[in-house]
Amino acid sequence: MNLDESSAAQVAELFNTLGDTSRIRLIAALAGTELNVTELAARIGLSHSAVSHHLRHLRQMRLVRTRKEGRHVYYLLDDAHIEDLFRCALEHVQHG
């Protein structure tokens, strides 16, 4: 497989973003559902501000997106590829 420098840099940045356990836990929490910041904070045991900080990074990398309903903002995985990537990585470590 040939990989140009630009694509290699993007993949490295993606894996760097995923190299944080809190962000991995956020992705796991969002697998198959959508949640707001308060729900995510309660689910993974982080402060509201810490969750917001991590979600900002995940949005910048297009790993999560938002859906607004009234005054509430819900977060969900950007597409099925993100959940597939997460599940493959989890399967790899569980069978390793």
PDB file of N, CA and C in Angstrom:
ATOM      1  N   MET A   1       0.848  -1.173   0.000  1.00  0.00           N
ATOM      2  CA  MET A   1       0.000   0.000   0.000  1.00  0.00           C
ATOM      3  C   MET A   1       0.893   1.235   0.000  1.00  0.00           C
ATOM      4  N   ASN A   2       0.716   2.102  -0.958  1.00  0.00           N
ATOM      5  CA  ASN A   2       1.425   3.376  -0.986  1.00  0.00           C
ATOM      6  C   ASN A   2       0.618   4.417  -0.236  1.00  0.00           C
ATOM      7  N   LEU A   3       1.313   5.231   0.529  1.00  0.00           N
ATOM      8  CA  LEU A   3       0.649   6.262   1.314  1.00  0.00           C
ATOM      9  C   LEU A   3       1.438   7.548   1.171  1.00  0.00           C
ATOM     10  N   ASP A   4       0.777   8.592   0.669  1.00  0.00           N
ATOM     11  CA  ASP A   4       1.475   9.860   0.509  1.00  0.00           C
ATOM     12  C   ASP A   4       1.642  10.542   1.869  1.00  0.00           C
ATOM     13  N   GLU A   5       2.537  11.503   1.927  1.00  0.00           N
ATOM     14  CA  GLU A   5       2.890  12.168   3.186  1.00  0.00           C
ATOM     15  C   GLU A   5       1.688  12.856   3.834  1.00  0.00           C
ATOM     16  N   SER A   6       0.854  13.488   3.029  1.00  0.00           N
ATOM     17  CA  SER A   6      -0.315  14.186   3.562  1.00  0.00           C
ATOM     18  C   SER A   6      -1.287  13.216   4.234  1.00  0.00           C
ATOM     19  N   SER A   7      -1.561  12.106   3.577  1.00  0.00           N
ATOM     20  CA  SER A   7      -2.460  11.100   4.160  1.00  0.00           C
ATOM     21  C   SER A   7      -1.852  10.492   5.413  1.00  0.00           C
ATOM     22  N   ALA A   8      -0.552  10.235   5.389  1.00  0.00           N
ATOM     23  CA  ALA A   8       0.129   9.684   6.564  1.00  0.00           C
ATOM     24  C   ALA A   8       0.018  10.644   7.740  1.00  0.00           C
ATOM     25  N   ALA A   9       0.169  11.932   7.485  1.00  0.00           N
ATOM     26  CA  ALA A   9       0.064  12.937   8.550  1.00  0.00           C
ATOM     27  C   ALA A   9      -1.350  12.982   9.120  1.00  0.00           C
ATOM     28  N   GLN A  10      -2.355  12.863   8.258  1.00  0.00           N
ATOM     29  CA  GLN A  10      -3.740  12.877   8.723  1.00  0.00           C
ATOM     30  C   GLN A  10      -4.057  11.654   9.575  1.00  0.00           C
ATOM     31  N   VAL A  11      -3.571  10.499   9.167  1.00  0.00           N
ATOM     32  CA  VAL A  11      -3.790   9.274   9.945  1.00  0.00           C
ATOM     33  C   VAL A  11      -3.079   9.384  11.292  1.00  0.00           C
ATOM     34  N   ALA A  12      -1.862   9.917  11.292  1.00  0.00           N
ATOM     35  CA  ALA A  12      -1.118  10.093  12.542  1.00  0.00           C
ATOM     36  C   ALA A  12      -1.858  11.035  13.479  1.00  0.00           C
ATOM     37  N   GLU A  13      -2.424  12.114  12.941  1.00  0.00           N
ATOM     38  CA  GLU A  13      -3.181  13.062  13.761  1.00  0.00           C
ATOM     39  C   GLU A  13      -4.434  12.404  14.332  1.00  0.00           C
ATOM     40  N   LEU A  14      -5.086  11.570  13.533  1.00  0.00           N
ATOM     41  CA  LEU A  14      -6.258  10.836  14.001  1.00  0.00           C
ATOM     42  C   LEU A  14      -5.888   9.921  15.163  1.00  0.00           C
ATOM     43  N   PHE A  15      -4.822   9.130  14.993  1.00  0.00           N
ATOM     44  CA  PHE A  15      -4.414   8.221  16.062  1.00  0.00           C
ATOM     45  C   PHE A  15      -3.930   8.986  17.291  1.00  0.00           C
ATOM     46  N   ASN A  16      -3.325  10.140  17.096  1.00  0.00           N
ATOM     47  CA  ASN A  16      -2.916  10.972  18.222  1.00  0.00           C
ATOM     48  C   ASN A  16      -4.142  11.422  19.016  1.00  0.00           C
ATOM     49  N   THR A  17      -5.186  11.836  18.307  1.00  0.00           N
ATOM     50  CA  THR A  17      -6.428  12.243  18.961  1.00  0.00           C
ATOM     51  C   THR A  17      -7.035  11.077  19.729  1.00  0.00           C
ATOM     52  N   LEU A  18      -6.964   9.892  19.167  1.00  0.00           N
ATOM     53  CA  LEU A  18      -7.526   8.703  19.807  1.00  0.00           C
ATOM     54  C   LEU A  18      -6.625   8.133  20.895  1.00  0.00           C
ATOM     55  N   GLY A  19      -5.467   8.730  21.094  1.00  0.00           N
ATOM     56  CA  GLY A  19      -4.519   8.244  22.089  1.00  0.00           C
ATOM     57  C   GLY A  19      -4.823   8.700  23.500  1.00  0.00           C
ATOM     58  N   ASP A  20      -6.023   9.134  23.751  1.00  0.00           N
ATOM     59  CA  ASP A  20      -6.435   9.616  25.069  1.00  0.00           C
ATOM     60  C   ASP A  20      -7.585   8.740  25.566  1.00  0.00           C
ATOM     61  N   THR A  21      -7.436   8.177  26.760  1.00  0.00           N
ATOM     62  CA  THR A  21      -8.453   7.243  27.262  1.00  0.00           C
ATOM     63  C   THR A  21      -9.817   7.904  27.446  1.00  0.00           C
ATOM     64  N   SER A  22      -9.848   9.169  27.819  1.00  0.00           N
ATOM     65  CA  SER A  22     -11.138   9.853  27.978  1.00  0.00           C
ATOM     66  C   SER A  22     -11.856   9.972  26.644  1.00  0.00           C
ATOM     67  N   ARG A  23     -11.122  10.256  25.596  1.00  0.00           N
ATOM     68  CA  ARG A  23     -11.738  10.366  24.271  1.00  0.00           C
ATOM     69  C   ARG A  23     -12.226   9.009  23.778  1.00  0.00           C
ATOM     70  N   ILE A  24     -11.471   7.969  24.075  1.00  0.00           N
ATOM     71  CA  ILE A  24     -11.912   6.614  23.714  1.00  0.00           C
ATOM     72  C   ILE A  24     -13.203   6.277  24.455  1.00  0.00           C
ATOM     73  N   ARG A  25     -13.273   6.635  25.725  1.00  0.00           N
ATOM     74  CA  ARG A  25     -14.482   6.361  26.507  1.00  0.00           C
ATOM     75  C   ARG A  25     -15.676   7.160  25.983  1.00  0.00           C
ATOM     76  N   LEU A  26     -15.430   8.386  25.513  1.00  0.00           N
ATOM     77  CA  LEU A  26     -16.506   9.173  24.912  1.00  0.00           C
ATOM     78  C   LEU A  26     -17.014   8.508  23.636  1.00  0.00           C
ATOM     79  N   ILE A  27     -16.100   8.039  22.814  1.00  0.00           N
ATOM     80  CA  ILE A  27     -16.501   7.348  21.582  1.00  0.00           C
ATOM     81  C   ILE A  27     -17.291   6.090  21.918  1.00  0.00           C
ATOM     82  N   ALA A  28     -16.850   5.349  22.915  1.00  0.00           N
ATOM     83  CA  ALA A  28     -17.576   4.143  23.330  1.00  0.00           C
ATOM     84  C   ALA A  28     -18.980   4.499  23.809  1.00  0.00           C
ATOM     85  N   ALA A  29     -19.093   5.574  24.577  1.00  0.00           N
ATOM     86  CA  ALA A  29     -20.400   5.990  25.095  1.00  0.00           C
ATOM     87  C   ALA A  29     -21.344   6.403  23.969  1.00  0.00           C
ATOM     88  N   LEU A  30     -20.785   6.942  22.894  1.00  0.00           N
ATOM     89  CA  LEU A  30     -21.608   7.416  21.780  1.00  0.00           C
ATOM     90  C   LEU A  30     -21.896   6.339  20.734  1.00  0.00           C
ATOM     91  N   ALA A  31     -21.301   5.173  20.883  1.00  0.00           N
ATOM     92  CA  ALA A  31     -21.532   4.095  19.914  1.00  0.00           C
ATOM     93  C   ALA A  31     -23.010   3.710  19.932  1.00  0.00           C
ATOM     94  N   GLY A  32     -23.674   3.951  18.828  1.00  0.00           N
ATOM     95  CA  GLY A  32     -25.069   3.553  18.687  1.00  0.00           C
ATOM     96  C   GLY A  32     -26.083   4.479  19.314  1.00  0.00           C
ATOM     97  N   THR A  33     -25.647   5.627  19.836  1.00  0.00           N
ATOM     98  CA  THR A  33     -26.591   6.542  20.472  1.00  0.00           C
ATOM     99  C   THR A  33     -26.091   7.969  20.363  1.00  0.00           C
ATOM    100  N   GLU A  34     -26.890   8.893  20.832  1.00  0.00           N
ATOM    101  CA  GLU A  34     -26.469  10.286  20.922  1.00  0.00           C
ATOM    102  C   GLU A  34     -26.771  10.784  22.330  1.00  0.00           C
ATOM    103  N   LEU A  35     -25.872  11.597  22.857  1.00  0.00           N
ATOM    104  CA  LEU A  35     -25.983  12.086  24.226  1.00  0.00           C
ATOM    105  C   LEU A  35     -25.552  13.540  24.283  1.00  0.00           C
ATOM    106  N   ASN A  36     -26.043  14.270  25.295  1.00  0.00           N
ATOM    107  CA  ASN A  36     -25.563  15.631  25.488  1.00  0.00           C
ATOM    108  C   ASN A  36     -24.382  15.624  26.460  1.00  0.00           C
ATOM    109  N   VAL A  37     -23.770  16.775  26.664  1.00  0.00           N
ATOM    110  CA  VAL A  37     -22.564  16.853  27.492  1.00  0.00           C
ATOM    111  C   VAL A  37     -22.836  16.384  28.915  1.00  0.00           C
ATOM    112  N   THR A  38     -23.968  16.767  29.477  1.00  0.00           N
ATOM    113  CA  THR A  38     -24.299  16.371  30.849  1.00  0.00           C
ATOM    114  C   THR A  38     -24.418  14.856  30.964  1.00  0.00           C
ATOM    115  N   GLU A  39     -25.082  14.236  30.003  1.00  0.00           N
ATOM    116  CA  GLU A  39     -25.228  12.779  30.004  1.00  0.00           C
ATOM    117  C   GLU A  39     -23.878  12.090  29.837  1.00  0.00           C
ATOM    118  N   LEU A  40     -23.050  12.624  28.946  1.00  0.00           N
ATOM    119  CA  LEU A  40     -21.714  12.050  28.743  1.00  0.00           C
ATOM    120  C   LEU A  40     -20.865  12.178  29.998  1.00  0.00           C
ATOM    121  N   ALA A  41     -20.910  13.335  30.642  1.00  0.00           N
ATOM    122  CA  ALA A  41     -20.124  13.557  31.859  1.00  0.00           C
ATOM    123  C   ALA A  41     -20.523  12.559  32.941  1.00  0.00           C
ATOM    124  N   ALA A  42     -21.820  12.349  33.109  1.00  0.00           N
ATOM    125  CA  ALA A  42     -22.300  11.399  34.114  1.00  0.00           C
ATOM    126  C   ALA A  42     -21.904   9.972  33.755  1.00  0.00           C
ATOM    127  N   ARG A  43     -21.976   9.643  32.487  1.00  0.00           N
ATOM    128  CA  ARG A  43     -21.706   8.279  32.045  1.00  0.00           C
ATOM    129  C   ARG A  43     -20.235   7.892  32.211  1.00  0.00           C
ATOM    130  N   ILE A  44     -19.307   8.822  31.933  1.00  0.00           N
ATOM    131  CA  ILE A  44     -17.891   8.445  32.006  1.00  0.00           C
ATOM    132  C   ILE A  44     -17.169   9.046  33.207  1.00  0.00           C
ATOM    133  N   GLY A  45     -17.871   9.822  34.025  1.00  0.00           N
ATOM    134  CA  GLY A  45     -17.286  10.302  35.271  1.00  0.00           C
ATOM    135  C   GLY A  45     -16.287  11.434  35.123  1.00  0.00           C
ATOM    136  N   LEU A  46     -16.495  12.303  34.151  1.00  0.00           N
ATOM    137  CA  LEU A  46     -15.656  13.487  33.984  1.00  0.00           C
ATOM    138  C   LEU A  46     -16.495  14.736  34.210  1.00  0.00           C
ATOM    139  N   SER A  47     -15.822  15.847  34.450  1.00  0.00           N
ATOM    140  CA  SER A  47     -16.539  17.106  34.615  1.00  0.00           C
ATOM    141  C   SER A  47     -17.119  17.560  33.278  1.00  0.00           C
ATOM    142  N   HIS A  48     -18.114  18.410  33.376  1.00  0.00           N
ATOM    143  CA  HIS A  48     -18.753  18.979  32.193  1.00  0.00           C
ATOM    144  C   HIS A  48     -17.716  19.677  31.314  1.00  0.00           C
ATOM    145  N   SER A  49     -16.820  20.449  31.928  1.00  0.00           N
ATOM    146  CA  SER A  49     -15.820  21.187  31.145  1.00  0.00           C
ATOM    147  C   SER A  49     -14.804  20.249  30.491  1.00  0.00           C
ATOM    148  N   ALA A  50     -14.424  19.174  31.175  1.00  0.00           N
ATOM    149  CA  ALA A  50     -13.480  18.210  30.590  1.00  0.00           C
ATOM    150  C   ALA A  50     -14.107  17.510  29.389  1.00  0.00           C
ATOM    151  N   VAL A  51     -15.364  17.130  29.514  1.00  0.00           N
ATOM    152  CA  VAL A  51     -16.063  16.482  28.399  1.00  0.00           C
ATOM    153  C   VAL A  51     -16.153  17.440  27.213  1.00  0.00           C
ATOM    154  N   SER A  52     -16.507  18.690  27.482  1.00  0.00           N
ATOM    155  CA  SER A  52     -16.593  19.688  26.408  1.00  0.00           C
ATOM    156  C   SER A  52     -15.256  19.860  25.708  1.00  0.00           C
ATOM    157  N   HIS A  53     -14.191  19.890  26.476  1.00  0.00           N
ATOM    158  CA  HIS A  53     -12.837  20.026  25.923  1.00  0.00           C
ATOM    159  C   HIS A  53     -12.519  18.860  24.980  1.00  0.00           C
ATOM    160  N   HIS A  54     -12.777  17.646  25.427  1.00  0.00           N
ATOM    161  CA  HIS A  54     -12.493  16.470  24.601  1.00  0.00           C
ATOM    162  C   HIS A  54     -13.397  16.420  23.366  1.00  0.00           C
ATOM    163  N   LEU A  55     -14.654  16.785  23.531  1.00  0.00           N
ATOM    164  CA  LEU A  55     -15.570  16.790  22.390  1.00  0.00           C
ATOM    165  C   LEU A  55     -15.132  17.796  21.328  1.00  0.00           C
ATOM    166  N   ARG A  56     -14.566  18.905  21.761  1.00  0.00           N
ATOM    167  CA  ARG A  56     -14.061  19.899  20.814  1.00  0.00           C
ATOM    168  C   ARG A  56     -12.980  19.279  19.917  1.00  0.00           C
ATOM    169  N   HIS A  57     -12.061  18.532  20.536  1.00  0.00           N
ATOM    170  CA  HIS A  57     -11.022  17.842  19.759  1.00  0.00           C
ATOM    171  C   HIS A  57     -11.632  16.805  18.819  1.00  0.00           C
ATOM    172  N   LEU A  58     -12.580  16.044  19.317  1.00  0.00           N
ATOM    173  CA  LEU A  58     -13.210  15.012  18.494  1.00  0.00           C
ATOM    174  C   LEU A  58     -13.981  15.621  17.320  1.00  0.00           C
ATOM    175  N   ARG A  59     -14.591  16.781  17.547  1.00  0.00           N
ATOM    176  CA  ARG A  59     -15.290  17.468  16.450  1.00  0.00           C
ATOM    177  C   ARG A  59     -14.308  17.986  15.415  1.00  0.00           C
ATOM    178  N   GLN A  60     -13.185  18.531  15.876  1.00  0.00           N
ATOM    179  CA  GLN A  60     -12.177  19.050  14.948  1.00  0.00           C
ATOM    180  C   GLN A  60     -11.654  17.948  14.027  1.00  0.00           C
ATOM    181  N   MET A  61     -11.582  16.743  14.544  1.00  0.00           N
ATOM    182  CA  MET A  61     -11.110  15.609  13.746  1.00  0.00           C
ATOM    183  C   MET A  61     -12.253  14.919  12.994  1.00  0.00           C
ATOM    184  N   ARG A  62     -13.446  15.468  13.081  1.00  0.00           N
ATOM    185  CA  ARG A  62     -14.644  14.929  12.428  1.00  0.00           C
ATOM    186  C   ARG A  62     -14.969  13.513  12.893  1.00  0.00           C
ATOM    187  N   LEU A  63     -14.725  13.270  14.171  1.00  0.00           N
ATOM    188  CA  LEU A  63     -15.071  11.974  14.753  1.00  0.00           C
ATOM    189  C   LEU A  63     -16.474  12.006  15.345  1.00  0.00           C
ATOM    190  N   VAL A  64     -16.894  13.172  15.819  1.00  0.00           N
ATOM    191  CA  VAL A  64     -18.258  13.356  16.314  1.00  0.00           C
ATOM    192  C   VAL A  64     -18.861  14.582  15.635  1.00  0.00           C
ATOM    193  N   ARG A  65     -20.178  14.614  15.635  1.00  0.00           N
ATOM    194  CA  ARG A  65     -20.905  15.775  15.129  1.00  0.00           C
ATOM    195  C   ARG A  65     -22.031  16.078  16.104  1.00  0.00           C
ATOM    196  N   THR A  66     -22.716  17.172  15.880  1.00  0.00           N
ATOM    197  CA  THR A  66     -23.772  17.583  16.797  1.00  0.00           C
ATOM    198  C   THR A  66     -25.115  17.637  16.088  1.00  0.00           C
ATOM    199  N   ARG A  67     -26.133  17.538  16.926  1.00  0.00           N
ATOM    200  CA  ARG A  67     -27.511  17.729  16.483  1.00  0.00           C
ATOM    201  C   ARG A  67     -28.182  18.575  17.545  1.00  0.00           C
ATOM    202  N   LYS A  68     -28.774  19.669  17.138  1.00  0.00           N
ATOM    203  CA  LYS A  68     -29.400  20.575  18.094  1.00  0.00           C
ATOM    204  C   LYS A  68     -30.899  20.324  18.130  1.00  0.00           C
ATOM    205  N   GLU A  69     -31.418  20.265  19.345  1.00  0.00           N
ATOM    206  CA  GLU A  69     -32.855  20.102  19.554  1.00  0.00           C
ATOM    207  C   GLU A  69     -33.269  21.124  20.608  1.00  0.00           C
ATOM    208  N   GLY A  70     -33.870  22.213  20.158  1.00  0.00           N
ATOM    209  CA  GLY A  70     -34.182  23.299  21.085  1.00  0.00           C
ATOM    210  C   GLY A  70     -32.897  23.887  21.638  1.00  0.00           C
ATOM    211  N   ARG A  71     -32.801  23.915  22.963  1.00  0.00           N
ATOM    212  CA  ARG A  71     -31.591  24.436  23.606  1.00  0.00           C
ATOM    213  C   ARG A  71     -30.559  23.348  23.863  1.00  0.00           C
ATOM    214  N   HIS A  72     -30.882  22.129  23.555  1.00  0.00           N
ATOM    215  CA  HIS A  72     -29.983  21.007  23.829  1.00  0.00           C
ATOM    216  C   HIS A  72     -29.153  20.649  22.596  1.00  0.00           C
ATOM    217  N   VAL A  73     -27.882  20.351  22.848  1.00  0.00           N
ATOM    218  CA  VAL A  73     -26.979  19.911  21.785  1.00  0.00           C
ATOM    219  C   VAL A  73     -26.612  18.463  22.068  1.00  0.00           C
ATOM    220  N   TYR A  74     -26.878  17.605  21.118  1.00  0.00           N
ATOM    221  CA  TYR A  74     -26.573  16.189  21.250  1.00  0.00           C
ATOM    222  C   TYR A  74     -25.376  15.841  20.371  1.00  0.00           C
ATOM    223  N   TYR A  75     -24.529  14.980  20.897  1.00  0.00           N
ATOM    224  CA  TYR A  75     -23.338  14.527  20.178  1.00  0.00           C
ATOM    225  C   TYR A  75     -23.562  13.099  19.712  1.00  0.00           C
ATOM    226  N   LEU A  76     -23.057  12.806  18.514  1.00  0.00           N
ATOM    227  CA  LEU A  76     -23.127  11.460  17.974  1.00  0.00           C
ATOM    228  C   LEU A  76     -21.891  11.231  17.117  1.00  0.00           C
ATOM    229  N   LEU A  77     -21.573   9.968  16.900  1.00  0.00           N
ATOM    230  CA  LEU A  77     -20.426   9.654  16.055  1.00  0.00           C
ATOM    231  C   LEU A  77     -20.701  10.164  14.648  1.00  0.00           C
ATOM    232  N   ASP A  78     -19.667  10.690  14.008  1.00  0.00           N
ATOM    233  CA  ASP A  78     -19.847  11.346  12.715  1.00  0.00           C
ATOM    234  C   ASP A  78     -20.351  10.396  11.637  1.00  0.00           C
ATOM    235  N   ASP A  79     -19.860   9.170  11.617  1.00  0.00           N
ATOM    236  CA  ASP A  79     -20.356   8.186  10.654  1.00  0.00           C
ATOM    237  C   ASP A  79     -20.004   6.778  11.126  1.00  0.00           C
ATOM    238  N   ALA A  80     -20.468   5.799  10.385  1.00  0.00           N
ATOM    239  CA  ALA A  80     -20.273   4.399  10.781  1.00  0.00           C
ATOM    240  C   ALA A  80     -18.803   4.002  10.813  1.00  0.00           C
ATOM    241  N   HIS A  81     -17.958   4.681  10.038  1.00  0.00           N
ATOM    242  CA  HIS A  81     -16.529   4.341  10.029  1.00  0.00           C
ATOM    243  C   HIS A  81     -15.896   4.516  11.408  1.00  0.00           C
ATOM    244  N   ILE A  82     -16.352   5.506  12.149  1.00  0.00           N
ATOM    245  CA  ILE A  82     -15.778   5.775  13.469  1.00  0.00           C
ATOM    246  C   ILE A  82     -16.086   4.614  14.406  1.00  0.00           C
ATOM    247  N   GLU A  83     -17.332   4.174  14.403  1.00  0.00           N
ATOM    248  CA  GLU A  83     -17.696   3.037  15.249  1.00  0.00           C
ATOM    249  C   GLU A  83     -16.973   1.773  14.798  1.00  0.00           C
ATOM    250  N   ASP A  84     -16.826   1.574  13.497  1.00  0.00           N
ATOM    251  CA  ASP A  84     -16.087   0.416  12.977  1.00  0.00           C
ATOM    252  C   ASP A  84     -14.632   0.446  13.439  1.00  0.00           C
ATOM    253  N   LEU A  85     -13.999   1.615  13.344  1.00  0.00           N
ATOM    254  CA  LEU A  85     -12.611   1.772  13.774  1.00  0.00           C
ATOM    255  C   LEU A  85     -12.470   1.439  15.257  1.00  0.00           C
ATOM    256  N   PHE A  86     -13.397   1.964  16.066  1.00  0.00           N
ATOM    257  CA  PHE A  86     -13.382   1.703  17.502  1.00  0.00           C
ATOM    258  C   PHE A  86     -13.566   0.212  17.787  1.00  0.00           C
ATOM    259  N   ARG A  87     -14.547  -0.403  17.150  1.00  0.00           N
ATOM    260  CA  ARG A  87     -14.817  -1.826  17.394  1.00  0.00           C
ATOM    261  C   ARG A  87     -13.645  -2.710  16.958  1.00  0.00           C
ATOM    262  N   CYS A  88     -13.010  -2.373  15.842  1.00  0.00           N
ATOM    263  CA  CYS A  88     -11.831  -3.135  15.384  1.00  0.00           C
ATOM    264  C   CYS A  88     -10.687  -3.017  16.382  1.00  0.00           C
ATOM    265  N   ALA A  89     -10.454  -1.813  16.883  1.00  0.00           N
ATOM    266  CA  ALA A  89      -9.382  -1.609  17.859  1.00  0.00           C
ATOM    267  C   ALA A  89      -9.685  -2.365  19.150  1.00  0.00           C
ATOM    268  N   LEU A  90     -10.930  -2.305  19.601  1.00  0.00           N
ATOM    269  CA  LEU A  90     -11.321  -3.009  20.823  1.00  0.00           C
ATOM    270  C   LEU A  90     -11.179  -4.516  20.642  1.00  0.00           C
ATOM    271  N   GLU A  91     -11.615  -5.016  19.515  1.00  0.00           N
ATOM    272  CA  GLU A  91     -11.485  -6.445  19.222  1.00  0.00           C
ATOM    273  C   GLU A  91     -10.013  -6.863  19.203  1.00  0.00           C
ATOM    274  N   HIS A  92      -9.170  -6.026  18.636  1.00  0.00           N
ATOM    275  CA  HIS A  92      -7.737  -6.314  18.566  1.00  0.00           C
ATOM    276  C   HIS A  92      -7.135  -6.446  19.967  1.00  0.00           C
ATOM    277  N   VAL A  93      -7.447  -5.519  20.861  1.00  0.00           N
ATOM    278  CA  VAL A  93      -6.844  -5.580  22.199  1.00  0.00           C
ATOM    279  C   VAL A  93      -7.452  -6.689  23.048  1.00  0.00           C
ATOM    280  N   GLN A  94      -8.715  -7.023  22.814  1.00  0.00           N
ATOM    281  CA  GLN A  94      -9.345  -8.086  23.593  1.00  0.00           C
ATOM    282  C   GLN A  94      -8.884  -9.472  23.166  1.00  0.00           C
ATOM    283  N   HIS A  95      -8.380  -9.608  21.959  1.00  0.00           N
ATOM    284  CA  HIS A  95      -7.901 -10.901  21.482  1.00  0.00           C
ATOM    285  C   HIS A  95      -6.390 -10.983  21.444  1.00  0.00           C
ATOM    286  N   GLY A  96      -5.729  -9.961  21.986  1.00  0.00           N
ATOM    287  CA  GLY A  96      -4.287  -9.879  21.875  1.00  0.00           C
ATOM    288  C   GLY A  96      -3.554 -10.588  22.926  1.00  0.00           C
TER     289      GLY A  96
END
